[in-house]
Amino acid sequence: MNLEKKKSLTARTFGVGKARITFNTGRLDEIKEAITKQDIRDLVASKAITIKPISGRKAVVKRKSRRGMGKIRQRPGNRKQEYVQITRKLRSYLAQAKAKGKLPLDKYYLLRKEIRARAFRDLSHMKERMK
């Protein structure tokens, strides 16, 4: 006799897994007659159906996360935007100076390399260096 439907009804009624439910073999005809959830509750109360206690492994305790130097998350700064702004400003000034003939080519290329290396804080610093 297949009582799989009764087992699933019991599992739904009590919110447990099917593996935890056992039927009393002497009272299988009573279990077979049960149709409603209330019938199932009555059978559990009269010990025709028993629900085993939870037999699982102990809870896994998560270890505290380590906070080393690599774990520190900071908001990235505006370094790139600052670099782009100052580089564009300095390069455009250099290009104008070269076009006007104020700057020889070798010095122009040298200053461009220094701009790339972030050797200058701002335009006045570069002008100072150009003198």
N, C-alpha and C. Protein backbone atom coordinates (compact mmCIF):
# COMPACT_ATOMS: atom_id res chain seq x y z
N MET A 1 0.85 -1.17 0.00
CA MET A 1 0.00 0.00 0.00
C MET A 1 0.90 1.24 0.00
N ASN A 2 0.60 2.18 -0.91
CA ASN A 2 1.43 3.36 -1.10
C ASN A 2 0.84 4.54 -0.34
N LEU A 3 1.56 5.02 0.65
CA LEU A 3 1.09 6.13 1.47
C LEU A 3 1.93 7.39 1.24
N GLU A 4 2.47 7.52 0.03
CA GLU A 4 3.34 8.66 -0.29
C GLU A 4 2.56 9.98 -0.21
N LYS A 5 1.31 9.97 -0.66
CA LYS A 5 0.49 11.19 -0.62
C LYS A 5 0.21 11.61 0.83
N LYS A 6 -0.01 10.63 1.69
CA LYS A 6 -0.26 10.93 3.11
C LYS A 6 0.99 11.52 3.75
N LYS A 7 2.14 11.00 3.32
CA LYS A 7 3.40 11.51 3.86
C LYS A 7 3.61 12.96 3.43
N SER A 8 3.33 13.26 2.15
CA SER A 8 3.51 14.64 1.67
C SER A 8 2.49 15.58 2.33
N LEU A 9 1.26 15.10 2.58
CA LEU A 9 0.26 15.91 3.27
C LEU A 9 0.72 16.22 4.70
N THR A 10 1.28 15.22 5.36
CA THR A 10 1.80 15.43 6.72
C THR A 10 2.96 16.44 6.70
N ALA A 11 3.83 16.29 5.70
CA ALA A 11 4.98 17.20 5.60
C ALA A 11 4.51 18.63 5.40
N ARG A 12 3.50 18.83 4.56
CA ARG A 12 2.97 20.18 4.33
C ARG A 12 2.27 20.72 5.57
N THR A 13 1.57 19.85 6.27
CA THR A 13 0.82 20.28 7.45
C THR A 13 1.74 20.79 8.55
N PHE A 14 2.83 20.07 8.79
CA PHE A 14 3.72 20.42 9.89
C PHE A 14 4.98 21.16 9.45
N GLY A 15 5.16 21.33 8.15
CA GLY A 15 6.32 22.07 7.65
C GLY A 15 7.63 21.37 7.92
N VAL A 16 7.64 20.04 7.75
CA VAL A 16 8.86 19.26 7.94
C VAL A 16 9.14 18.48 6.67
N GLY A 17 10.32 17.89 6.58
CA GLY A 17 10.67 17.08 5.43
C GLY A 17 10.02 15.71 5.51
N LYS A 18 9.84 15.08 4.34
CA LYS A 18 9.21 13.76 4.29
C LYS A 18 10.04 12.70 5.00
N ALA A 19 11.34 12.89 5.01
CA ALA A 19 12.23 11.89 5.63
C ALA A 19 12.04 11.82 7.14
N ARG A 20 11.50 12.87 7.75
CA ARG A 20 11.31 12.89 9.21
C ARG A 20 10.00 12.24 9.65
N ILE A 21 9.16 11.88 8.71
CA ILE A 21 7.84 11.35 9.06
C ILE A 21 7.86 9.83 9.03
N THR A 22 7.36 9.20 10.13
CA THR A 22 7.23 7.73 10.15
C THR A 22 5.80 7.37 10.54
N PHE A 23 5.31 6.30 9.93
CA PHE A 23 3.96 5.82 10.22
C PHE A 23 4.04 4.61 11.14
N ASN A 24 3.08 4.52 12.05
CA ASN A 24 2.96 3.35 12.92
C ASN A 24 2.37 2.22 12.07
N THR A 25 3.11 1.13 11.92
CA THR A 25 2.68 0.06 11.00
C THR A 25 1.40 -0.62 11.47
N GLY A 26 1.11 -0.60 12.73
CA GLY A 26 -0.11 -1.22 13.24
C GLY A 26 -1.36 -0.40 12.94
N ARG A 27 -1.21 0.87 12.62
CA ARG A 27 -2.39 1.74 12.43
C ARG A 27 -2.43 2.31 11.02
N LEU A 28 -1.94 1.55 10.03
CA LEU A 28 -1.89 2.04 8.66
C LEU A 28 -3.28 2.27 8.07
N ASP A 29 -4.32 1.45 8.49
CA ASP A 29 -5.66 1.66 7.93
C ASP A 29 -6.24 3.01 8.37
N GLU A 30 -5.95 3.44 9.59
CA GLU A 30 -6.40 4.75 10.06
C GLU A 30 -5.73 5.86 9.24
N ILE A 31 -4.44 5.70 9.00
CA ILE A 31 -3.67 6.69 8.24
C ILE A 31 -4.21 6.76 6.81
N LYS A 32 -4.55 5.60 6.26
CA LYS A 32 -5.06 5.53 4.90
C LYS A 32 -6.39 6.28 4.78
N GLU A 33 -7.20 6.28 5.82
CA GLU A 33 -8.51 6.94 5.80
C GLU A 33 -8.41 8.46 5.96
N ALA A 34 -7.28 8.96 6.47
CA ALA A 34 -7.13 10.40 6.72
C ALA A 34 -7.10 11.16 5.41
N ILE A 35 -7.92 12.22 5.34
CA ILE A 35 -8.03 13.00 4.10
C ILE A 35 -7.59 14.45 4.32
N THR A 36 -8.00 15.02 5.43
CA THR A 36 -7.75 16.45 5.67
C THR A 36 -6.53 16.65 6.57
N LYS A 37 -6.11 17.91 6.63
CA LYS A 37 -5.00 18.26 7.51
C LYS A 37 -5.37 18.03 8.97
N GLN A 38 -6.63 18.28 9.29
CA GLN A 38 -7.08 18.06 10.67
C GLN A 38 -6.99 16.59 11.05
N ASP A 39 -7.33 15.68 10.10
CA ASP A 39 -7.20 14.24 10.34
C ASP A 39 -5.74 13.91 10.65
N ILE A 40 -4.83 14.49 9.89
CA ILE A 40 -3.40 14.24 10.08
C ILE A 40 -2.96 14.73 11.46
N ARG A 41 -3.43 15.93 11.86
CA ARG A 41 -3.07 16.47 13.17
C ARG A 41 -3.56 15.54 14.28
N ASP A 42 -4.78 15.00 14.13
CA ASP A 42 -5.32 14.08 15.13
C ASP A 42 -4.47 12.80 15.22
N LEU A 43 -4.02 12.31 14.06
CA LEU A 43 -3.20 11.09 14.05
C LEU A 43 -1.84 11.32 14.69
N VAL A 44 -1.28 12.51 14.50
CA VAL A 44 0.00 12.84 15.14
C VAL A 44 -0.21 12.93 16.66
N ALA A 45 -1.33 13.51 17.06
CA ALA A 45 -1.61 13.63 18.50
C ALA A 45 -1.80 12.24 19.14
N SER A 46 -2.37 11.29 18.37
CA SER A 46 -2.60 9.94 18.92
C SER A 46 -1.43 9.00 18.64
N LYS A 47 -0.30 9.52 18.17
CA LYS A 47 0.95 8.78 17.94
C LYS A 47 0.85 7.73 16.82
N ALA A 48 -0.11 7.87 15.92
CA ALA A 48 -0.15 6.98 14.75
C ALA A 48 0.90 7.43 13.74
N ILE A 49 1.14 8.72 13.71
CA ILE A 49 2.20 9.30 12.88
C ILE A 49 3.18 9.98 13.82
N THR A 50 4.46 9.70 13.65
CA THR A 50 5.48 10.36 14.49
C THR A 50 6.41 11.17 13.60
N ILE A 51 6.87 12.26 14.15
CA ILE A 51 7.81 13.13 13.43
C ILE A 51 9.13 13.06 14.18
N LYS A 52 10.16 12.60 13.47
CA LYS A 52 11.49 12.46 14.09
C LYS A 52 12.09 13.85 14.34
N PRO A 53 12.93 13.94 15.36
CA PRO A 53 13.62 15.22 15.58
C PRO A 53 14.67 15.45 14.49
N ILE A 54 15.07 16.68 14.38
CA ILE A 54 16.08 17.03 13.36
C ILE A 54 17.39 16.35 13.71
N SER A 55 17.94 15.65 12.75
CA SER A 55 19.23 14.99 12.97
C SER A 55 20.19 15.47 11.88
N GLY A 56 20.71 16.65 12.08
CA GLY A 56 21.61 17.21 11.08
C GLY A 56 22.94 17.53 11.70
N ARG A 57 23.83 18.03 10.90
CA ARG A 57 25.13 18.41 11.44
C ARG A 57 25.00 19.75 12.15
N LYS A 58 25.95 20.01 13.02
CA LYS A 58 25.87 21.25 13.77
C LYS A 58 26.08 22.44 12.84
N ALA A 59 25.63 23.57 13.26
CA ALA A 59 25.71 24.78 12.43
C ALA A 59 27.16 25.15 12.18
N VAL A 60 27.45 25.51 10.96
CA VAL A 60 28.81 25.92 10.60
C VAL A 60 28.98 27.37 11.01
N VAL A 61 29.97 27.63 11.85
CA VAL A 61 30.23 29.00 12.30
C VAL A 61 31.16 29.65 11.30
N LYS A 62 30.70 30.74 10.72
CA LYS A 62 31.50 31.43 9.73
C LYS A 62 32.61 32.18 10.44
N ARG A 63 33.84 32.02 9.94
CA ARG A 63 34.94 32.72 10.60
C ARG A 63 34.87 34.20 10.27
N LYS A 64 35.36 34.98 11.19
CA LYS A 64 35.34 36.43 10.98
C LYS A 64 36.26 36.76 9.82
N SER A 65 35.79 37.66 8.98
CA SER A 65 36.59 37.98 7.80
C SER A 65 37.82 38.76 8.23
N ARG A 66 38.92 38.43 7.60
CA ARG A 66 40.18 39.11 7.94
C ARG A 66 40.24 40.43 7.20
N ARG A 67 40.80 41.40 7.86
CA ARG A 67 40.89 42.72 7.25
C ARG A 67 42.35 43.11 7.14
N GLY A 68 42.97 42.63 6.09
CA GLY A 68 44.36 42.99 5.84
C GLY A 68 44.40 44.20 4.91
N MET A 69 45.58 44.53 4.47
CA MET A 69 45.72 45.71 3.60
C MET A 69 44.99 45.52 2.28
N GLY A 70 44.94 44.29 1.79
CA GLY A 70 44.28 44.05 0.52
C GLY A 70 42.77 44.07 0.62
N LYS A 71 42.23 44.01 1.83
CA LYS A 71 40.79 43.96 2.01
C LYS A 71 40.16 45.34 2.18
N ILE A 72 40.98 46.35 2.41
CA ILE A 72 40.44 47.68 2.67
C ILE A 72 39.92 48.25 1.35
N ARG A 73 38.64 48.58 1.35
CA ARG A 73 38.04 49.12 0.13
C ARG A 73 37.81 50.60 0.30
N GLN A 74 38.49 51.37 -0.50
CA GLN A 74 38.31 52.81 -0.44
C GLN A 74 37.68 53.26 -1.75
N ARG A 75 36.98 54.36 -1.68
CA ARG A 75 36.44 54.88 -2.93
C ARG A 75 37.61 55.41 -3.74
N PRO A 76 37.69 55.04 -5.02
CA PRO A 76 38.79 55.54 -5.83
C PRO A 76 38.70 57.05 -5.95
N GLY A 77 39.84 57.69 -5.87
CA GLY A 77 39.86 59.14 -5.92
C GLY A 77 39.71 59.64 -7.35
N ASN A 78 39.91 60.93 -7.52
CA ASN A 78 39.79 61.54 -8.84
C ASN A 78 41.17 61.69 -9.48
N ARG A 79 42.07 60.77 -9.16
CA ARG A 79 43.43 60.90 -9.66
C ARG A 79 43.49 60.99 -11.17
N LYS A 80 42.72 60.12 -11.82
CA LYS A 80 42.80 60.11 -13.28
C LYS A 80 42.25 61.40 -13.87
N GLN A 81 41.11 61.86 -13.34
CA GLN A 81 40.52 63.08 -13.86
C GLN A 81 41.47 64.26 -13.67
N GLU A 82 42.11 64.30 -12.49
CA GLU A 82 43.07 65.38 -12.24
C GLU A 82 44.23 65.31 -13.21
N TYR A 83 44.72 64.09 -13.44
CA TYR A 83 45.84 63.90 -14.36
C TYR A 83 45.46 64.35 -15.76
N VAL A 84 44.28 63.96 -16.20
CA VAL A 84 43.83 64.32 -17.56
C VAL A 84 43.69 65.83 -17.69
N GLN A 85 43.11 66.47 -16.70
CA GLN A 85 42.91 67.92 -16.77
C GLN A 85 44.25 68.66 -16.87
N ILE A 86 45.15 68.32 -15.96
CA ILE A 86 46.42 69.06 -15.94
C ILE A 86 47.25 68.74 -17.18
N THR A 87 47.19 67.49 -17.63
CA THR A 87 47.96 67.10 -18.81
C THR A 87 47.47 67.83 -20.04
N ARG A 88 46.17 67.91 -20.22
CA ARG A 88 45.62 68.61 -21.39
C ARG A 88 45.98 70.09 -21.37
N LYS A 89 45.90 70.68 -20.17
CA LYS A 89 46.22 72.10 -20.04
C LYS A 89 47.68 72.36 -20.40
N LEU A 90 48.58 71.53 -19.84
CA LEU A 90 50.02 71.73 -20.07
C LEU A 90 50.40 71.45 -21.52
N ARG A 91 49.82 70.39 -22.09
CA ARG A 91 50.15 70.06 -23.47
C ARG A 91 49.66 71.12 -24.44
N SER A 92 48.48 71.67 -24.18
CA SER A 92 47.98 72.71 -25.09
C SER A 92 48.87 73.96 -25.00
N TYR A 93 49.31 74.29 -23.79
CA TYR A 93 50.20 75.43 -23.63
C TYR A 93 51.52 75.19 -24.37
N LEU A 94 52.03 73.95 -24.24
CA LEU A 94 53.28 73.60 -24.94
C LEU A 94 53.10 73.71 -26.45
N ALA A 95 51.98 73.21 -26.95
CA ALA A 95 51.74 73.25 -28.39
C ALA A 95 51.68 74.70 -28.89
N GLN A 96 51.05 75.57 -28.12
CA GLN A 96 50.98 76.99 -28.50
C GLN A 96 52.38 77.60 -28.51
N ALA A 97 53.18 77.28 -27.50
CA ALA A 97 54.54 77.83 -27.42
C ALA A 97 55.38 77.35 -28.59
N LYS A 98 55.19 76.09 -28.97
CA LYS A 98 55.93 75.54 -30.10
C LYS A 98 55.50 76.21 -31.40
N ALA A 99 54.18 76.44 -31.55
CA ALA A 99 53.65 77.06 -32.77
C ALA A 99 54.15 78.50 -32.91
N LYS A 100 54.29 79.21 -31.79
CA LYS A 100 54.77 80.59 -31.83
C LYS A 100 56.28 80.67 -32.03
N GLY A 101 56.95 79.53 -31.90
CA GLY A 101 58.40 79.50 -32.10
C GLY A 101 59.18 79.84 -30.85
N LYS A 102 58.55 79.85 -29.68
CA LYS A 102 59.23 80.17 -28.43
C LYS A 102 60.01 78.97 -27.90
N LEU A 103 59.76 77.78 -28.45
CA LEU A 103 60.30 76.56 -27.86
C LEU A 103 60.97 75.70 -28.91
N PRO A 104 62.24 75.33 -28.75
CA PRO A 104 62.89 74.42 -29.71
C PRO A 104 62.30 73.01 -29.57
N LEU A 105 62.39 72.23 -30.65
CA LEU A 105 61.77 70.90 -30.68
C LEU A 105 62.32 69.98 -29.60
N ASP A 106 63.63 69.97 -29.41
CA ASP A 106 64.20 69.05 -28.42
C ASP A 106 63.68 69.35 -27.01
N LYS A 107 63.57 70.65 -26.69
CA LYS A 107 63.04 71.01 -25.38
C LYS A 107 61.54 70.69 -25.28
N TYR A 108 60.83 70.86 -26.42
CA TYR A 108 59.39 70.54 -26.46
C TYR A 108 59.16 69.07 -26.11
N TYR A 109 59.91 68.18 -26.74
CA TYR A 109 59.74 66.75 -26.48
C TYR A 109 60.15 66.38 -25.06
N LEU A 110 61.19 67.03 -24.57
CA LEU A 110 61.61 66.78 -23.19
C LEU A 110 60.52 67.18 -22.19
N LEU A 111 59.92 68.35 -22.42
CA LEU A 111 58.84 68.82 -21.53
C LEU A 111 57.61 67.92 -21.62
N ARG A 112 57.32 67.42 -22.83
CA ARG A 112 56.17 66.50 -22.97
C ARG A 112 56.39 65.23 -22.16
N LYS A 113 57.61 64.74 -22.17
CA LYS A 113 57.92 63.54 -21.37
C LYS A 113 57.78 63.83 -19.88
N GLU A 114 58.17 65.02 -19.47
CA GLU A 114 58.04 65.39 -18.07
C GLU A 114 56.57 65.55 -17.66
N ILE A 115 55.77 66.07 -18.60
CA ILE A 115 54.33 66.17 -18.32
C ILE A 115 53.76 64.76 -18.12
N ARG A 116 54.17 63.85 -18.98
CA ARG A 116 53.69 62.46 -18.89
C ARG A 116 54.09 61.83 -17.57
N ALA A 117 55.27 62.21 -17.07
CA ALA A 117 55.78 61.66 -15.81
C ALA A 117 55.23 62.42 -14.59
N ARG A 118 54.33 63.35 -14.83
CA ARG A 118 53.70 64.15 -13.77
C ARG A 118 54.73 64.94 -12.94
N ALA A 119 55.66 65.52 -13.66
CA ALA A 119 56.71 66.28 -12.98
C ALA A 119 56.23 67.67 -12.57
N PHE A 120 55.12 68.13 -13.14
CA PHE A 120 54.64 69.48 -12.86
C PHE A 120 53.34 69.45 -12.09
N ARG A 121 53.24 70.35 -11.11
CA ARG A 121 52.00 70.46 -10.32
C ARG A 121 50.93 71.19 -11.10
N ASP A 122 51.33 72.29 -11.76
CA ASP A 122 50.38 73.12 -12.50
C ASP A 122 51.12 73.89 -13.57
N LEU A 123 50.40 74.77 -14.25
CA LEU A 123 50.97 75.50 -15.39
C LEU A 123 52.09 76.44 -14.94
N SER A 124 51.90 77.09 -13.81
CA SER A 124 52.94 78.04 -13.36
C SER A 124 54.22 77.30 -13.02
N HIS A 125 54.10 76.09 -12.50
CA HIS A 125 55.28 75.29 -12.21
C HIS A 125 56.03 74.95 -13.49
N MET A 126 55.28 74.65 -14.55
CA MET A 126 55.93 74.32 -15.83
C MET A 126 56.57 75.56 -16.44
N LYS A 127 55.88 76.69 -16.34
CA LYS A 127 56.44 77.93 -16.89
C LYS A 127 57.76 78.28 -16.20
N GLU A 128 57.80 78.07 -14.92
CA GLU A 128 59.00 78.30 -14.14
C GLU A 128 60.15 77.44 -14.67
N ARG A 129 59.83 76.20 -14.95
CA ARG A 129 60.83 75.22 -15.44
C ARG A 129 61.29 75.58 -16.85
N MET A 130 60.40 76.18 -17.64
CA MET A 130 60.73 76.52 -19.03
C MET A 130 61.72 77.67 -19.10
N LYS A 131 61.77 78.53 -18.09
CA LYS A 131 62.65 79.69 -18.11
C LYS A 131 64.08 79.34 -17.98
